[in-house]
Amino acid sequence: MTEDLIEQALTLMKAQRYGEALPILRRAIDHDPSNWNTSYLVGQCCRFLDDIEGAIHHLSHASELKIDEPSVFLALGIAFQLNNQWDEAIEAFRRAIEINSDFASAYNSLALTQKKRGDLSKALHNYDAGVKALARQIVKVMSNSRTSPILKHRNTVGSLWLEYIMEVALFLVSSEEGINNIAFPRTVRRQWRRSAGEKAMEEERTEEHAGLCWYDTSNEKGENTRVFLPNFFNTFREEFKHNPEYSNLIGNRGTVLELLGRDDEARLHFDEATEFLP
């Protein structure tokens, strides 16, 4: 019965009919007070109906029933933020990140709260951490087989995305056992560099490794090496291009840079946020 009521309420919530969903969810709570998801959904309905105190009450209860669900702590943090309870919001967002270190949305909300408090350096750091978390999310589910789509290089106005991709490549290598070295064509700036990009262009021309984003080999010392291919960079570029969270995080970071008086850096972020807006 509880699950049926939740399904009914979710259908209404998707249609933004929160006032109609709320009594159905309250019936579900009466039927099963221990269901954390019901309290979470009631809290979300209260928030969207501008009952922030009610949202905090029910989301706090949901967080007690389900102490390892990052989305509950994210929602709770947002409710605290809307109530100008900065310390409580920050604590909730940090709890969400402790549970899931790749939760980009939690970094974004944490940074926003810190910006509102005037902690601009901390906000700047956490917007950056949010992009890195988003990149890790992508690489963990990235398909890496010869049946993957072969994506072609194209120039972009901004190059901030490449810096994040280089870092996540290092993360991918460091998290795998038996990989001691990393190698890739020098695609760290706007275009393929002529001297070091010949192999990259050859790979794009011949498609020798099909849709692979990387492959493992051995170097002259017999050490395992992971070679990142052009498709790694091209795939990431398109993932960022189609993910609104990237544009949002980069744009928000630009706003903080502007507040800090770092106008040239801010403009780079704004330009990239515009270019990568889905």
Protein backbone atom coordinates (compact mmCIF):
# COMPACT_ATOMS: atom_id res chain seq x y z
CA MET A 1 0.00 0.00 0.00
CA THR A 2 2.74 2.45 0.93
CA GLU A 3 4.54 2.00 -2.38
CA ASP A 4 1.29 2.47 -4.31
CA LEU A 5 0.66 5.74 -2.51
CA ILE A 6 4.21 6.88 -3.18
CA GLU A 7 3.81 6.12 -6.88
CA GLN A 8 0.60 8.15 -7.00
CA ALA A 9 2.32 11.04 -5.28
CA LEU A 10 5.35 10.89 -7.55
CA THR A 11 3.11 11.15 -10.60
CA LEU A 12 1.58 14.33 -9.16
CA MET A 13 4.97 15.72 -8.15
CA LYS A 14 6.32 15.23 -11.68
CA ALA A 15 3.41 17.39 -12.83
CA GLN A 16 4.34 19.92 -10.09
CA ARG A 17 1.02 19.29 -8.32
CA TYR A 18 2.66 19.29 -4.90
CA GLY A 19 -0.45 20.34 -2.97
CA GLU A 20 -2.30 17.30 -4.27
CA ALA A 21 0.62 14.96 -3.61
CA LEU A 22 1.03 16.03 0.01
CA PRO A 23 -2.10 14.42 1.53
CA ILE A 24 -1.38 11.19 -0.31
CA LEU A 25 2.11 11.12 1.17
CA ARG A 26 0.75 11.86 4.63
CA ARG A 27 -1.48 8.80 4.28
CA ALA A 28 1.62 6.81 3.34
CA ILE A 29 3.37 8.03 6.50
CA ASP A 30 0.39 7.01 8.62
CA HIS A 31 0.58 3.57 7.05
CA ASP A 32 4.36 3.18 7.48
CA PRO A 33 6.13 5.85 9.60
CA SER A 34 9.49 4.10 9.13
CA ASN A 35 9.68 4.68 5.36
CA TRP A 36 12.39 7.30 4.85
CA ASN A 37 11.44 7.97 1.24
CA THR A 38 7.97 9.11 2.23
CA SER A 39 9.34 11.66 4.70
CA TYR A 40 11.83 12.80 2.07
CA LEU A 41 9.07 13.34 -0.50
CA VAL A 42 6.87 15.17 2.01
CA GLY A 43 9.82 17.42 2.77
CA GLN A 44 10.32 18.14 -0.91
CA CYS A 45 6.63 18.95 -1.37
CA CYS A 46 6.75 21.31 1.61
CA ARG A 47 9.79 23.04 0.14
CA PHE A 48 8.14 23.58 -3.24
CA LEU A 49 5.05 24.87 -1.46
CA ASP A 50 7.26 27.38 0.43
CA ASP A 51 6.71 25.66 3.76
CA ILE A 52 10.40 25.69 4.63
CA GLU A 53 9.93 24.85 8.31
CA GLY A 54 7.86 21.83 7.30
CA ALA A 55 10.52 20.84 4.78
CA ILE A 56 13.26 20.99 7.40
CA HIS A 57 11.17 18.95 9.85
CA HIS A 58 10.40 16.13 7.44
CA LEU A 59 13.81 16.07 5.74
CA SER A 60 15.54 15.97 9.12
CA HIS A 61 13.38 12.99 10.00
CA ALA A 62 14.21 11.33 6.66
CA SER A 63 17.94 11.84 7.37
CA GLU A 64 17.53 10.06 10.72
CA LEU A 65 15.74 7.14 9.07
CA LYS A 66 18.25 6.89 6.21
CA ILE A 67 21.68 8.07 7.33
CA ASP A 68 23.51 7.00 4.16
CA GLU A 69 21.36 8.62 1.45
CA PRO A 70 23.16 11.68 -0.01
CA SER A 71 20.08 13.05 -1.79
CA VAL A 72 18.30 13.43 1.56
CA PHE A 73 21.14 15.51 2.98
CA LEU A 74 21.31 17.58 -0.21
CA ALA A 75 17.59 18.38 0.07
CA LEU A 76 17.93 19.11 3.79
CA GLY A 77 20.85 21.43 3.11
CA ILE A 78 18.86 23.33 0.48
CA ALA A 79 15.97 23.74 2.94
CA PHE A 80 18.36 25.10 5.58
CA GLN A 81 19.88 27.39 2.97
CA LEU A 82 16.46 28.77 2.04
CA ASN A 83 15.91 29.45 5.74
CA ASN A 84 19.24 31.32 5.99
CA GLN A 85 20.59 28.68 8.37
CA TRP A 86 24.05 28.67 6.83
CA ASP A 87 25.89 26.49 9.34
CA GLU A 88 23.24 23.79 9.24
CA ALA A 89 23.15 23.89 5.44
CA ILE A 90 26.92 23.52 5.17
CA GLU A 91 26.90 20.60 7.60
CA ALA A 92 24.19 18.83 5.56
CA PHE A 93 26.01 19.35 2.26
CA ARG A 94 29.27 18.11 3.74
CA ARG A 95 27.47 15.03 5.02
CA ALA A 96 26.16 14.37 1.49
CA ILE A 97 29.73 14.64 0.15
CA GLU A 98 31.05 12.33 2.86
CA ILE A 99 28.58 9.70 1.70
CA ASN A 100 29.29 10.28 -2.00
CA SER A 101 32.50 12.13 -2.80
CA ASP A 102 31.43 12.41 -6.46
CA PHE A 103 28.14 14.18 -5.71
CA ALA A 104 28.64 17.27 -7.88
CA SER A 105 25.28 18.83 -6.93
CA ALA A 106 26.25 18.82 -3.26
CA TYR A 107 29.51 20.66 -4.01
CA ASN A 108 27.54 23.19 -6.05
CA SER A 109 25.07 23.83 -3.22
CA LEU A 110 27.86 23.95 -0.63
CA ALA A 111 29.73 26.54 -2.69
CA LEU A 112 26.58 28.61 -3.17
CA THR A 113 25.98 28.68 0.59
CA GLN A 114 29.58 29.71 1.21
CA LYS A 115 29.23 32.48 -1.39
CA LYS A 116 26.10 33.75 0.35
CA ARG A 117 28.07 33.82 3.60
CA GLY A 118 30.87 35.76 1.94
CA ASP A 119 33.37 32.87 2.12
CA LEU A 120 34.45 33.42 -1.48
CA SER A 121 37.72 31.47 -1.38
CA LYS A 122 35.93 28.41 -0.01
CA ALA A 123 33.16 28.79 -2.58
CA LEU A 124 35.73 29.01 -5.37
CA HIS A 125 37.41 25.82 -4.15
CA ASN A 126 34.15 23.88 -3.93
CA TYR A 127 32.88 24.92 -7.36
CA ASP A 128 36.17 23.56 -8.67
CA ALA A 129 35.75 20.40 -6.61
CA GLY A 130 32.25 20.05 -8.04
CA VAL A 131 33.52 19.98 -11.63
CA LYS A 132 36.12 17.39 -10.68
CA ALA A 133 33.42 15.29 -9.02
CA LEU A 134 31.30 15.56 -12.16
CA ALA A 135 34.26 14.42 -14.27
CA ARG A 136 34.77 11.42 -12.00
CA GLN A 137 31.08 10.57 -12.30
CA ILE A 138 31.44 10.54 -16.08
CA VAL A 139 34.62 8.47 -16.26
CA LYS A 140 33.22 5.82 -13.92
CA VAL A 141 30.39 5.03 -16.31
CA MET A 142 32.16 5.89 -19.57
CA SER A 143 31.91 3.10 -22.11
CA ASN A 144 35.35 1.98 -23.26
CA SER A 145 35.02 -0.61 -25.98
CA ARG A 146 35.51 -0.85 -29.71
CA THR A 147 31.78 -0.52 -30.13
CA SER A 148 31.76 2.92 -28.49
CA PRO A 149 30.92 5.86 -30.76
CA ILE A 150 33.96 7.38 -32.49
CA LEU A 151 33.77 11.09 -31.83
CA LYS A 152 35.81 13.59 -33.81
CA HIS A 153 37.90 16.48 -32.62
CA ARG A 154 36.45 19.95 -32.91
CA ASN A 155 37.79 23.25 -31.72
CA THR A 156 36.26 24.93 -28.70
CA VAL A 157 36.55 28.55 -27.66
CA GLY A 158 37.26 27.61 -24.05
CA SER A 159 39.83 25.11 -22.83
CA LEU A 160 39.01 24.84 -19.12
CA TRP A 161 37.32 21.50 -19.74
CA LEU A 162 40.62 20.02 -20.93
CA GLU A 163 42.31 20.79 -17.62
CA TYR A 164 39.62 18.86 -15.76
CA ILE A 165 39.86 15.96 -18.17
CA MET A 166 43.62 15.74 -17.74
CA GLU A 167 43.12 15.50 -14.00
CA VAL A 168 40.45 12.82 -14.25
CA ALA A 169 42.77 10.82 -16.51
CA LEU A 170 45.29 10.81 -13.67
CA PHE A 171 42.50 9.76 -11.29
CA LEU A 172 41.55 6.91 -13.57
CA VAL A 173 45.12 5.63 -13.70
CA SER A 174 45.79 6.03 -9.99
CA SER A 175 42.63 4.11 -9.09
CA GLU A 176 43.53 1.08 -11.20
CA GLU A 177 45.92 -1.61 -9.97
CA GLY A 178 48.87 -2.47 -12.18
CA ILE A 179 48.94 0.83 -14.08
CA ASN A 180 52.19 2.68 -13.49
CA ASN A 181 52.29 5.22 -16.30
CA ILE A 182 50.01 7.39 -18.34
CA ALA A 183 50.36 8.56 -21.92
CA PHE A 184 48.14 10.55 -24.25
CA PRO A 185 48.43 12.84 -27.25
CA ARG A 186 48.99 16.39 -26.13
CA THR A 187 45.45 17.64 -26.34
CA VAL A 188 45.79 19.98 -23.39
CA ARG A 189 45.04 23.18 -25.24
CA ARG A 190 42.54 24.47 -27.74
CA GLN A 191 43.84 22.56 -30.77
CA TRP A 192 45.99 19.49 -31.43
CA ARG A 193 49.58 20.66 -31.21
CA ARG A 194 51.27 20.03 -34.53
CA SER A 195 54.47 18.41 -33.24
CA ALA A 196 52.91 16.18 -30.58
CA GLY A 197 49.47 15.80 -32.10
CA GLU A 198 50.46 13.82 -35.17
CA LYS A 199 49.70 10.51 -33.49
CA ALA A 200 46.36 11.87 -32.34
CA MET A 201 45.45 12.96 -35.84
CA GLU A 202 46.64 9.61 -37.21
CA GLU A 203 44.38 7.81 -34.75
CA GLU A 204 41.45 9.94 -35.86
CA ARG A 205 42.26 9.25 -39.50
CA THR A 206 42.78 5.49 -39.24
CA GLU A 207 40.47 4.75 -36.27
CA GLU A 208 42.97 2.02 -35.39
CA HIS A 209 41.54 1.62 -31.90
CA ALA A 210 37.93 2.07 -32.99
CA GLY A 211 35.83 3.72 -30.26
CA LEU A 212 38.21 3.02 -27.37
CA CYS A 213 38.88 5.90 -25.03
CA TRP A 214 42.09 4.28 -23.80
CA TYR A 215 44.02 1.07 -24.02
CA ASP A 216 46.66 -0.59 -21.84
CA THR A 217 50.12 -1.54 -23.04
CA SER A 218 53.67 -1.90 -21.70
CA ASN A 219 56.50 0.58 -21.98
CA GLU A 220 60.13 -0.20 -22.69
CA LYS A 221 60.70 -0.97 -19.00
CA GLY A 222 57.94 -3.55 -18.99
CA GLU A 223 55.69 -1.32 -16.90
CA ASN A 224 51.99 -1.21 -17.62
CA THR A 225 50.95 2.00 -19.32
CA ARG A 226 47.51 3.40 -20.02
CA VAL A 227 47.34 5.26 -23.32
CA PHE A 228 44.53 7.79 -23.62
CA LEU A 229 43.26 8.26 -27.14
CA PRO A 230 41.65 11.24 -28.87
CA ASN A 231 38.27 9.60 -28.32
CA PHE A 232 38.81 10.00 -24.56
CA PHE A 233 38.99 13.79 -24.92
CA ASN A 234 36.28 13.98 -27.56
CA THR A 235 33.91 11.82 -25.52
CA PHE A 236 34.42 13.96 -22.44
CA ARG A 237 33.90 17.13 -24.43
CA GLU A 238 30.51 15.90 -25.59
CA GLU A 239 29.57 14.63 -22.11
CA PHE A 240 30.26 18.08 -20.68
CA LYS A 241 28.46 19.69 -23.61
CA HIS A 242 25.28 17.72 -22.90
CA ASN A 243 25.40 17.97 -19.10
CA PRO A 244 23.87 21.22 -17.76
CA GLU A 245 25.68 20.74 -14.46
CA TYR A 246 29.04 21.50 -16.09
CA SER A 247 27.89 24.81 -17.53
CA ASN A 248 26.24 25.69 -14.22
CA LEU A 249 29.32 24.95 -12.11
CA ILE A 250 31.69 26.79 -14.43
CA GLY A 251 29.38 29.81 -14.64
CA ASN A 252 28.97 29.91 -10.85
CA ARG A 253 32.73 29.72 -10.41
CA GLY A 254 33.06 32.64 -12.82
CA THR A 255 30.71 34.70 -10.64
CA VAL A 256 32.92 34.12 -7.60
CA LEU A 257 36.04 35.02 -9.59
CA GLU A 258 34.33 38.24 -10.64
CA LEU A 259 33.48 39.06 -7.03
CA LEU A 260 37.15 38.49 -6.18
CA GLY A 261 38.16 40.99 -8.86
CA ARG A 262 39.72 38.35 -11.11
CA ASP A 263 37.87 39.58 -14.17
CA ASP A 264 39.98 37.91 -16.88
CA GLU A 265 39.58 34.49 -15.29
CA ALA A 266 35.90 35.15 -14.75
CA ARG A 267 35.42 35.95 -18.44
CA LEU A 268 37.04 32.63 -19.43
CA HIS A 269 34.57 30.82 -17.19
CA PHE A 270 31.56 32.76 -18.49
CA ASP A 271 32.56 32.13 -22.10
CA GLU A 272 32.95 28.42 -21.48
CA ALA A 273 29.68 28.23 -19.55
CA THR A 274 27.92 29.82 -22.52
CA GLU A 275 29.65 27.60 -25.06
CA PHE A 276 28.87 24.41 -23.15
CA LEU A 277 25.28 25.31 -22.33
CA PRO A 278 23.18 22.38 -23.63
